[in-house]
Amino acid sequence: MGLGDFYSTPASLTISTGDRVKWVLESGTHDSTSFAGLWQSPMMVEVGESWSRTFDTPGTFDYYCTIHPSLMDATVIVTG
């Protein structure tokens, strides 16, 4: 997942249970935070910095950037 100036790409990603998602900073300063409070990545400040998480449970997981909550949000869909 790419994080940049006011975007998170792709806006939706479908994966399988047990897959790992990696967020990579492309520009700016951003994090990845679950709306449901399931995770919060460290703040990424240097281009190329990354953070990853394994999804062990099926479901739909919406997340956002705490600095830009109304501009940067996306969804990870985990299938069983």
N, C-alpha and C. Protein backbone atom coordinates (compact mmCIF):
# COMPACT_ATOMS: atom_id res chain seq x y z
N MET A 1 0.85 -1.16 0.00
CA MET A 1 0.00 0.00 0.00
C MET A 1 0.90 1.23 0.00
N GLY A 2 0.63 2.15 -0.88
CA GLY A 2 1.42 3.37 -0.94
C GLY A 2 0.76 4.50 -0.16
N LEU A 3 1.55 5.24 0.59
CA LEU A 3 1.07 6.41 1.32
C LEU A 3 1.83 7.62 0.82
N GLY A 4 1.08 8.64 0.36
CA GLY A 4 1.73 9.83 -0.16
C GLY A 4 0.94 11.07 0.18
N ASP A 5 1.25 12.17 -0.49
CA ASP A 5 0.59 13.44 -0.21
C ASP A 5 -0.90 13.34 -0.49
N PHE A 6 -1.67 13.13 0.56
CA PHE A 6 -3.13 13.07 0.53
C PHE A 6 -3.69 11.90 -0.26
N TYR A 7 -2.98 10.77 -0.29
CA TYR A 7 -3.53 9.58 -0.92
C TYR A 7 -3.02 8.32 -0.24
N SER A 8 -3.83 7.29 -0.38
CA SER A 8 -3.47 5.93 0.02
C SER A 8 -3.86 5.06 -1.16
N THR A 9 -2.92 4.31 -1.69
CA THR A 9 -3.20 3.55 -2.89
C THR A 9 -2.75 2.10 -2.75
N PRO A 10 -3.56 1.15 -3.20
CA PRO A 10 -4.89 1.32 -3.76
C PRO A 10 -5.90 1.67 -2.66
N ALA A 11 -7.07 2.17 -3.06
CA ALA A 11 -8.10 2.53 -2.09
C ALA A 11 -8.69 1.30 -1.43
N SER A 12 -8.62 0.16 -2.11
CA SER A 12 -9.12 -1.10 -1.57
C SER A 12 -8.20 -2.23 -2.02
N LEU A 13 -7.89 -3.12 -1.10
CA LEU A 13 -7.01 -4.25 -1.39
C LEU A 13 -7.66 -5.50 -0.83
N THR A 14 -7.78 -6.55 -1.66
CA THR A 14 -8.34 -7.83 -1.22
C THR A 14 -7.21 -8.84 -1.10
N ILE A 15 -7.13 -9.48 0.07
CA ILE A 15 -6.08 -10.46 0.36
C ILE A 15 -6.70 -11.69 0.99
N SER A 16 -5.90 -12.72 1.20
CA SER A 16 -6.35 -13.94 1.87
C SER A 16 -5.91 -13.94 3.33
N THR A 17 -6.63 -14.67 4.16
CA THR A 17 -6.25 -14.82 5.56
C THR A 17 -4.80 -15.28 5.66
N GLY A 18 -4.03 -14.65 6.53
CA GLY A 18 -2.62 -14.99 6.70
C GLY A 18 -1.67 -14.16 5.87
N ASP A 19 -2.21 -13.36 4.93
CA ASP A 19 -1.35 -12.50 4.12
C ASP A 19 -0.87 -11.29 4.92
N ARG A 20 0.27 -10.77 4.52
CA ARG A 20 0.86 -9.59 5.15
C ARG A 20 0.72 -8.41 4.19
N VAL A 21 0.32 -7.28 4.73
CA VAL A 21 0.22 -6.04 3.96
C VAL A 21 1.35 -5.12 4.40
N LYS A 22 2.01 -4.53 3.43
CA LYS A 22 3.12 -3.61 3.71
C LYS A 22 2.74 -2.22 3.22
N TRP A 23 2.81 -1.24 4.10
CA TRP A 23 2.59 0.15 3.76
C TRP A 23 3.95 0.79 3.53
N VAL A 24 4.10 1.52 2.43
CA VAL A 24 5.38 2.16 2.10
C VAL A 24 5.14 3.65 1.90
N LEU A 25 5.94 4.46 2.58
CA LEU A 25 5.82 5.91 2.46
C LEU A 25 6.41 6.37 1.14
N GLU A 26 5.58 7.04 0.33
CA GLU A 26 6.02 7.56 -0.96
C GLU A 26 6.31 9.06 -0.90
N SER A 27 5.66 9.77 0.02
CA SER A 27 5.92 11.20 0.23
C SER A 27 5.20 11.66 1.49
N GLY A 28 5.61 12.80 2.02
CA GLY A 28 4.96 13.36 3.19
C GLY A 28 5.30 12.64 4.49
N THR A 29 4.43 12.75 5.47
CA THR A 29 4.53 12.09 6.77
C THR A 29 3.18 11.47 7.06
N HIS A 30 3.13 10.14 7.23
CA HIS A 30 1.85 9.45 7.37
C HIS A 30 1.99 8.22 8.25
N ASP A 31 0.83 7.70 8.68
CA ASP A 31 0.76 6.43 9.38
C ASP A 31 -0.43 5.65 8.85
N SER A 32 -0.64 4.46 9.38
CA SER A 32 -1.79 3.62 9.06
C SER A 32 -2.45 3.25 10.38
N THR A 33 -3.70 3.69 10.55
CA THR A 33 -4.40 3.47 11.81
C THR A 33 -5.78 2.89 11.54
N SER A 34 -6.09 1.79 12.18
CA SER A 34 -7.38 1.13 12.04
C SER A 34 -8.49 1.98 12.66
N PHE A 35 -9.60 2.15 11.94
CA PHE A 35 -10.75 2.85 12.51
C PHE A 35 -11.27 2.11 13.74
N ALA A 36 -11.15 0.78 13.74
CA ALA A 36 -11.66 -0.05 14.85
C ALA A 36 -10.67 -0.16 16.01
N GLY A 37 -9.52 0.50 15.89
CA GLY A 37 -8.53 0.46 16.97
C GLY A 37 -7.71 -0.82 17.02
N LEU A 38 -7.64 -1.55 15.91
CA LEU A 38 -6.92 -2.83 15.87
C LEU A 38 -5.42 -2.65 15.69
N TRP A 39 -5.00 -1.53 15.10
CA TRP A 39 -3.57 -1.26 14.93
C TRP A 39 -3.34 0.23 14.72
N GLN A 40 -2.13 0.64 14.99
CA GLN A 40 -1.64 1.97 14.63
C GLN A 40 -0.16 1.83 14.35
N SER A 41 0.22 2.12 13.12
CA SER A 41 1.63 2.03 12.76
C SER A 41 2.39 3.20 13.36
N PRO A 42 3.71 3.08 13.42
CA PRO A 42 4.51 4.26 13.78
C PRO A 42 4.35 5.32 12.67
N MET A 43 4.60 6.56 13.01
CA MET A 43 4.58 7.62 12.01
C MET A 43 5.78 7.43 11.09
N MET A 44 5.52 7.39 9.79
CA MET A 44 6.59 7.23 8.81
C MET A 44 6.95 8.61 8.28
N VAL A 45 8.24 8.95 8.31
CA VAL A 45 8.66 10.30 7.95
C VAL A 45 9.65 10.35 6.79
N GLU A 46 10.30 9.23 6.49
CA GLU A 46 11.29 9.21 5.41
C GLU A 46 10.78 8.37 4.25
N VAL A 47 10.87 8.91 3.04
CA VAL A 47 10.44 8.18 1.84
C VAL A 47 11.11 6.82 1.82
N GLY A 48 10.31 5.79 1.56
CA GLY A 48 10.81 4.42 1.53
C GLY A 48 10.61 3.68 2.84
N GLU A 49 10.35 4.42 3.92
CA GLU A 49 10.09 3.79 5.21
C GLU A 49 8.82 2.95 5.08
N SER A 50 8.75 1.82 5.80
CA SER A 50 7.59 0.95 5.66
C SER A 50 7.19 0.34 7.00
N TRP A 51 6.00 -0.23 7.00
CA TRP A 51 5.45 -0.93 8.15
C TRP A 51 4.54 -2.01 7.61
N SER A 52 4.50 -3.17 8.25
CA SER A 52 3.65 -4.25 7.74
C SER A 52 2.86 -4.90 8.87
N ARG A 53 1.78 -5.57 8.47
CA ARG A 53 0.89 -6.25 9.40
C ARG A 53 0.33 -7.48 8.73
N THR A 54 0.25 -8.59 9.47
CA THR A 54 -0.38 -9.81 8.99
C THR A 54 -1.84 -9.83 9.42
N PHE A 55 -2.71 -10.20 8.50
CA PHE A 55 -4.14 -10.27 8.77
C PHE A 55 -4.54 -11.74 8.91
N ASP A 56 -4.86 -12.14 10.14
CA ASP A 56 -5.17 -13.54 10.44
C ASP A 56 -6.66 -13.83 10.51
N THR A 57 -7.49 -12.81 10.40
CA THR A 57 -8.93 -12.96 10.54
C THR A 57 -9.64 -12.39 9.32
N PRO A 58 -10.59 -13.13 8.73
CA PRO A 58 -11.35 -12.57 7.61
C PRO A 58 -12.17 -11.36 8.06
N GLY A 59 -12.38 -10.44 7.14
CA GLY A 59 -13.20 -9.27 7.44
C GLY A 59 -12.81 -8.09 6.59
N THR A 60 -13.46 -6.97 6.84
CA THR A 60 -13.18 -5.72 6.15
C THR A 60 -12.58 -4.76 7.17
N PHE A 61 -11.40 -4.25 6.87
CA PHE A 61 -10.65 -3.43 7.80
C PHE A 61 -10.38 -2.06 7.16
N ASP A 62 -11.03 -1.06 7.69
CA ASP A 62 -10.85 0.31 7.20
C ASP A 62 -9.76 0.99 8.02
N TYR A 63 -8.96 1.79 7.35
CA TYR A 63 -7.89 2.50 8.06
C TYR A 63 -7.73 3.91 7.51
N TYR A 64 -6.97 4.73 8.23
CA TYR A 64 -6.78 6.13 7.86
C TYR A 64 -5.43 6.61 8.35
N CYS A 65 -5.05 7.79 7.92
CA CYS A 65 -3.85 8.47 8.41
C CYS A 65 -4.29 9.44 9.49
N THR A 66 -3.68 9.38 10.68
CA THR A 66 -4.11 10.24 11.78
C THR A 66 -3.84 11.73 11.51
N ILE A 67 -2.90 12.03 10.65
CA ILE A 67 -2.62 13.43 10.32
C ILE A 67 -3.65 13.97 9.32
N HIS A 68 -4.13 13.10 8.42
CA HIS A 68 -5.05 13.51 7.36
C HIS A 68 -6.29 12.59 7.35
N PRO A 69 -7.04 12.50 8.45
CA PRO A 69 -8.12 11.52 8.54
C PRO A 69 -9.24 11.69 7.52
N SER A 70 -9.54 12.90 7.10
CA SER A 70 -10.62 13.09 6.14
C SER A 70 -10.15 12.99 4.69
N LEU A 71 -8.84 12.93 4.49
CA LEU A 71 -8.29 12.89 3.13
C LEU A 71 -7.68 11.55 2.76
N MET A 72 -7.25 10.79 3.76
CA MET A 72 -6.52 9.55 3.47
C MET A 72 -7.13 8.39 4.24
N ASP A 73 -7.96 7.60 3.54
CA ASP A 73 -8.47 6.38 4.13
C ASP A 73 -8.57 5.32 3.05
N ALA A 74 -8.58 4.07 3.48
CA ALA A 74 -8.63 2.95 2.53
C ALA A 74 -9.12 1.71 3.27
N THR A 75 -9.21 0.59 2.54
CA THR A 75 -9.79 -0.63 3.08
C THR A 75 -8.95 -1.84 2.69
N VAL A 76 -8.76 -2.74 3.65
CA VAL A 76 -8.19 -4.05 3.39
C VAL A 76 -9.31 -5.06 3.60
N ILE A 77 -9.59 -5.88 2.58
CA ILE A 77 -10.61 -6.91 2.66
C ILE A 77 -9.89 -8.25 2.74
N VAL A 78 -10.15 -8.99 3.81
CA VAL A 78 -9.49 -10.28 4.03
C VAL A 78 -10.52 -11.39 3.85
N THR A 79 -10.25 -12.27 2.90
CA THR A 79 -11.16 -13.38 2.63
C THR A 79 -10.67 -14.64 3.34
N GLY A 80 -11.61 -15.50 3.69
CA GLY A 80 -11.29 -16.71 4.44
C GLY A 80 -10.68 -17.75 3.59
